[in-house]
Amino acid sequence: MIDITKEITNAVREYTNEVKEGIQEAQKDVSKETAMDLKRTSPKGDYKGGGAYAKGWRAKKTKRGYVVHNATKYQLTHLLEKGHAKRGGGRVPAYPHIGPAEDRAIDEYEKRVEKVIRG
């Protein structure tokens, strides 16, 4: 005789593992795509080494998941995203590139998680 409780438990456990693996894969893929998106959309600059900021975006795995960060010129992220005051007065305009990339990443991640959960 088949123990229905064991069968249901095994099916739920297998489904849970598949969902967990699918979500982890979605995190990895979306974070890498977001880093590539930021490399394309970040300002390049007209100064010496101007492309270093754009080239510095990385997707990094942490204990809690994945993080997208700028490994080379992290000091510029807030200044470029929000704008800043000039030394002699006035302001440098903002160049919003992180916020839009984050919004696209959130939408894509949600779609992929829903797809994984639905099977």
C-alpha atoms as a PDB file:
ATOM      1  CA  MET A   1       0.000   0.000   0.000  1.00  0.00           C
ATOM      2  CA  ILE A   2       1.300   3.462  -0.940  1.00  0.00           C
ATOM      3  CA  ASP A   3       1.622   5.950   1.878  1.00  0.00           C
ATOM      4  CA  ILE A   4      -0.112   9.032   0.493  1.00  0.00           C
ATOM      5  CA  THR A   5       1.429  11.307   3.131  1.00  0.00           C
ATOM      6  CA  LYS A   6       4.972  10.378   2.073  1.00  0.00           C
ATOM      7  CA  GLU A   7       4.122  10.894  -1.597  1.00  0.00           C
ATOM      8  CA  ILE A   8       2.652  14.343  -0.961  1.00  0.00           C
ATOM      9  CA  THR A   9       5.609  15.301   1.232  1.00  0.00           C
ATOM     10  CA  ASN A  10       8.079  14.182  -1.447  1.00  0.00           C
ATOM     11  CA  ALA A  11       6.191  16.059  -4.171  1.00  0.00           C
ATOM     12  CA  VAL A  12       6.124  19.272  -2.120  1.00  0.00           C
ATOM     13  CA  ARG A  13       9.804  18.910  -1.228  1.00  0.00           C
ATOM     14  CA  GLU A  14      10.744  18.391  -4.891  1.00  0.00           C
ATOM     15  CA  TYR A  15       8.647  21.393  -5.974  1.00  0.00           C
ATOM     16  CA  THR A  16      10.214  23.546  -3.255  1.00  0.00           C
ATOM     17  CA  ASN A  17      13.736  22.613  -4.372  1.00  0.00           C
ATOM     18  CA  GLU A  18      12.897  23.368  -8.013  1.00  0.00           C
ATOM     19  CA  VAL A  19      11.478  26.775  -7.080  1.00  0.00           C
ATOM     20  CA  LYS A  20      14.486  27.573  -4.877  1.00  0.00           C
ATOM     21  CA  GLU A  21      16.932  26.675  -7.661  1.00  0.00           C
ATOM     22  CA  GLY A  22      14.898  28.604 -10.221  1.00  0.00           C
ATOM     23  CA  ILE A  23      14.838  31.725  -8.052  1.00  0.00           C
ATOM     24  CA  GLN A  24      18.586  31.528  -7.472  1.00  0.00           C
ATOM     25  CA  GLU A  25      19.148  31.193 -11.221  1.00  0.00           C
ATOM     26  CA  ALA A  26      16.866  34.195 -11.842  1.00  0.00           C
ATOM     27  CA  GLN A  27      18.837  36.265  -9.296  1.00  0.00           C
ATOM     28  CA  LYS A  28      22.112  35.371 -10.975  1.00  0.00           C
ATOM     29  CA  ASP A  29      20.895  36.059 -14.505  1.00  0.00           C
ATOM     30  CA  VAL A  30      19.108  39.334 -13.723  1.00  0.00           C
ATOM     31  CA  SER A  31      22.056  40.695 -11.731  1.00  0.00           C
ATOM     32  CA  LYS A  32      24.474  39.925 -14.582  1.00  0.00           C
ATOM     33  CA  GLU A  33      22.109  41.481 -17.121  1.00  0.00           C
ATOM     34  CA  THR A  34      21.751  44.577 -14.925  1.00  0.00           C
ATOM     35  CA  ALA A  35      25.530  44.959 -14.656  1.00  0.00           C
ATOM     36  CA  MET A  36      25.790  44.745 -18.453  1.00  0.00           C
ATOM     37  CA  ASP A  37      22.932  47.244 -18.826  1.00  0.00           C
ATOM     38  CA  LEU A  38      24.729  49.680 -16.507  1.00  0.00           C
ATOM     39  CA  LYS A  39      27.952  49.254 -18.469  1.00  0.00           C
ATOM     40  CA  ARG A  40      26.066  50.354 -21.594  1.00  0.00           C
ATOM     41  CA  THR A  41      24.058  53.216 -20.064  1.00  0.00           C
ATOM     42  CA  SER A  42      26.579  54.730 -17.629  1.00  0.00           C
ATOM     43  CA  PRO A  43      28.239  58.030 -18.560  1.00  0.00           C
ATOM     44  CA  LYS A  44      31.656  57.578 -20.123  1.00  0.00           C
ATOM     45  CA  GLY A  45      33.109  61.016 -19.304  1.00  0.00           C
ATOM     46  CA  ASP A  46      35.498  63.216 -21.273  1.00  0.00           C
ATOM     47  CA  TYR A  47      38.306  63.000 -18.756  1.00  0.00           C
ATOM     48  CA  LYS A  48      41.341  60.727 -18.526  1.00  0.00           C
ATOM     49  CA  GLY A  49      40.155  57.194 -17.785  1.00  0.00           C
ATOM     50  CA  GLY A  50      36.556  58.234 -18.448  1.00  0.00           C
ATOM     51  CA  GLY A  51      35.374  54.749 -19.352  1.00  0.00           C
ATOM     52  CA  ALA A  52      36.536  53.227 -16.054  1.00  0.00           C
ATOM     53  CA  TYR A  53      33.271  54.102 -14.316  1.00  0.00           C
ATOM     54  CA  ALA A  54      31.132  52.436 -16.970  1.00  0.00           C
ATOM     55  CA  LYS A  55      33.390  49.385 -17.134  1.00  0.00           C
ATOM     56  CA  GLY A  56      33.375  48.972 -13.349  1.00  0.00           C
ATOM     57  CA  TRP A  57      29.883  47.459 -12.914  1.00  0.00           C
ATOM     58  CA  ARG A  58      29.883  43.950 -11.441  1.00  0.00           C
ATOM     59  CA  ALA A  59      27.362  41.420 -10.177  1.00  0.00           C
ATOM     60  CA  LYS A  60      28.621  39.902  -6.935  1.00  0.00           C
ATOM     61  CA  LYS A  61      27.223  36.946  -4.997  1.00  0.00           C
ATOM     62  CA  THR A  62      26.753  37.541  -1.273  1.00  0.00           C
ATOM     63  CA  LYS A  63      25.263  35.505   1.561  1.00  0.00           C
ATOM     64  CA  ARG A  64      21.840  37.022   0.904  1.00  0.00           C
ATOM     65  CA  GLY A  65      21.845  36.880  -2.904  1.00  0.00           C
ATOM     66  CA  TYR A  66      23.405  38.997  -5.627  1.00  0.00           C
ATOM     67  CA  VAL A  67      24.452  42.660  -5.537  1.00  0.00           C
ATOM     68  CA  VAL A  68      25.268  44.904  -8.491  1.00  0.00           C
ATOM     69  CA  HIS A  69      27.977  47.441  -7.629  1.00  0.00           C
ATOM     70  CA  ASN A  70      30.662  49.572  -9.203  1.00  0.00           C
ATOM     71  CA  ALA A  71      34.032  48.049  -8.345  1.00  0.00           C
ATOM     72  CA  THR A  72      36.256  50.761  -9.842  1.00  0.00           C
ATOM     73  CA  LYS A  73      34.712  54.209  -9.312  1.00  0.00           C
ATOM     74  CA  TYR A  74      32.073  53.592  -6.642  1.00  0.00           C
ATOM     75  CA  GLN A  75      32.518  57.142  -5.325  1.00  0.00           C
ATOM     76  CA  LEU A  76      30.888  58.541  -8.463  1.00  0.00           C
ATOM     77  CA  THR A  77      27.620  56.596  -8.308  1.00  0.00           C
ATOM     78  CA  HIS A  78      25.725  59.053  -6.105  1.00  0.00           C
ATOM     79  CA  LEU A  79      27.300  62.140  -7.702  1.00  0.00           C
ATOM     80  CA  LEU A  80      26.354  61.072 -11.214  1.00  0.00           C
ATOM     81  CA  GLU A  81      22.925  59.709 -10.325  1.00  0.00           C
ATOM     82  CA  LYS A  82      21.818  62.740  -8.270  1.00  0.00           C
ATOM     83  CA  GLY A  83      24.001  65.595  -9.551  1.00  0.00           C
ATOM     84  CA  HIS A  84      26.213  67.737  -7.308  1.00  0.00           C
ATOM     85  CA  ALA A  85      27.409  71.270  -6.591  1.00  0.00           C
ATOM     86  CA  LYS A  86      30.316  72.699  -8.539  1.00  0.00           C
ATOM     87  CA  ARG A  87      33.334  74.103  -6.778  1.00  0.00           C
ATOM     88  CA  GLY A  88      32.823  77.635  -8.151  1.00  0.00           C
ATOM     89  CA  GLY A  89      29.041  77.642  -7.737  1.00  0.00           C
ATOM     90  CA  GLY A  90      26.194  76.143  -9.680  1.00  0.00           C
ATOM     91  CA  ARG A  91      25.309  72.508 -10.117  1.00  0.00           C
ATOM     92  CA  VAL A  92      26.313  69.612 -12.300  1.00  0.00           C
ATOM     93  CA  PRO A  93      23.170  68.012 -13.748  1.00  0.00           C
ATOM     94  CA  ALA A  94      22.115  64.542 -12.659  1.00  0.00           C
ATOM     95  CA  TYR A  95      22.612  61.622 -15.020  1.00  0.00           C
ATOM     96  CA  PRO A  96      20.059  59.060 -13.817  1.00  0.00           C
ATOM     97  CA  HIS A  97      21.229  55.639 -14.964  1.00  0.00           C
ATOM     98  CA  ILE A  98      21.109  53.451 -11.850  1.00  0.00           C
ATOM     99  CA  GLY A  99      17.432  54.042 -11.011  1.00  0.00           C
ATOM    100  CA  PRO A 100      16.120  53.074 -14.460  1.00  0.00           C
ATOM    101  CA  ALA A 101      18.353  49.984 -14.537  1.00  0.00           C
ATOM    102  CA  GLU A 102      17.088  49.015 -11.087  1.00  0.00           C
ATOM    103  CA  ASP A 103      13.463  49.390 -12.215  1.00  0.00           C
ATOM    104  CA  ARG A 104      14.092  47.185 -15.268  1.00  0.00           C
ATOM    105  CA  ALA A 105      15.843  44.596 -13.085  1.00  0.00           C
ATOM    106  CA  ILE A 106      12.961  44.478 -10.598  1.00  0.00           C
ATOM    107  CA  ASP A 107      10.399  43.992 -13.368  1.00  0.00           C
ATOM    108  CA  GLU A 108      12.459  41.261 -15.038  1.00  0.00           C
ATOM    109  CA  TYR A 109      13.117  39.467 -11.735  1.00  0.00           C
ATOM    110  CA  GLU A 110       9.423  39.488 -10.847  1.00  0.00           C
ATOM    111  CA  LYS A 111       8.541  38.014 -14.260  1.00  0.00           C
ATOM    112  CA  ARG A 112      11.113  35.264 -13.927  1.00  0.00           C
ATOM    113  CA  VAL A 113      10.091  34.365 -10.364  1.00  0.00           C
ATOM    114  CA  GLU A 114       6.445  34.154 -11.394  1.00  0.00           C
ATOM    115  CA  LYS A 115       7.428  31.904 -14.304  1.00  0.00           C
ATOM    116  CA  VAL A 116       9.438  29.636 -11.985  1.00  0.00           C
ATOM    117  CA  ILE A 117       6.607  29.367  -9.448  1.00  0.00           C
ATOM    118  CA  ARG A 118       4.016  28.572 -12.113  1.00  0.00           C
ATOM    119  CA  GLY A 119       6.296  25.937 -13.597  1.00  0.00           C
END
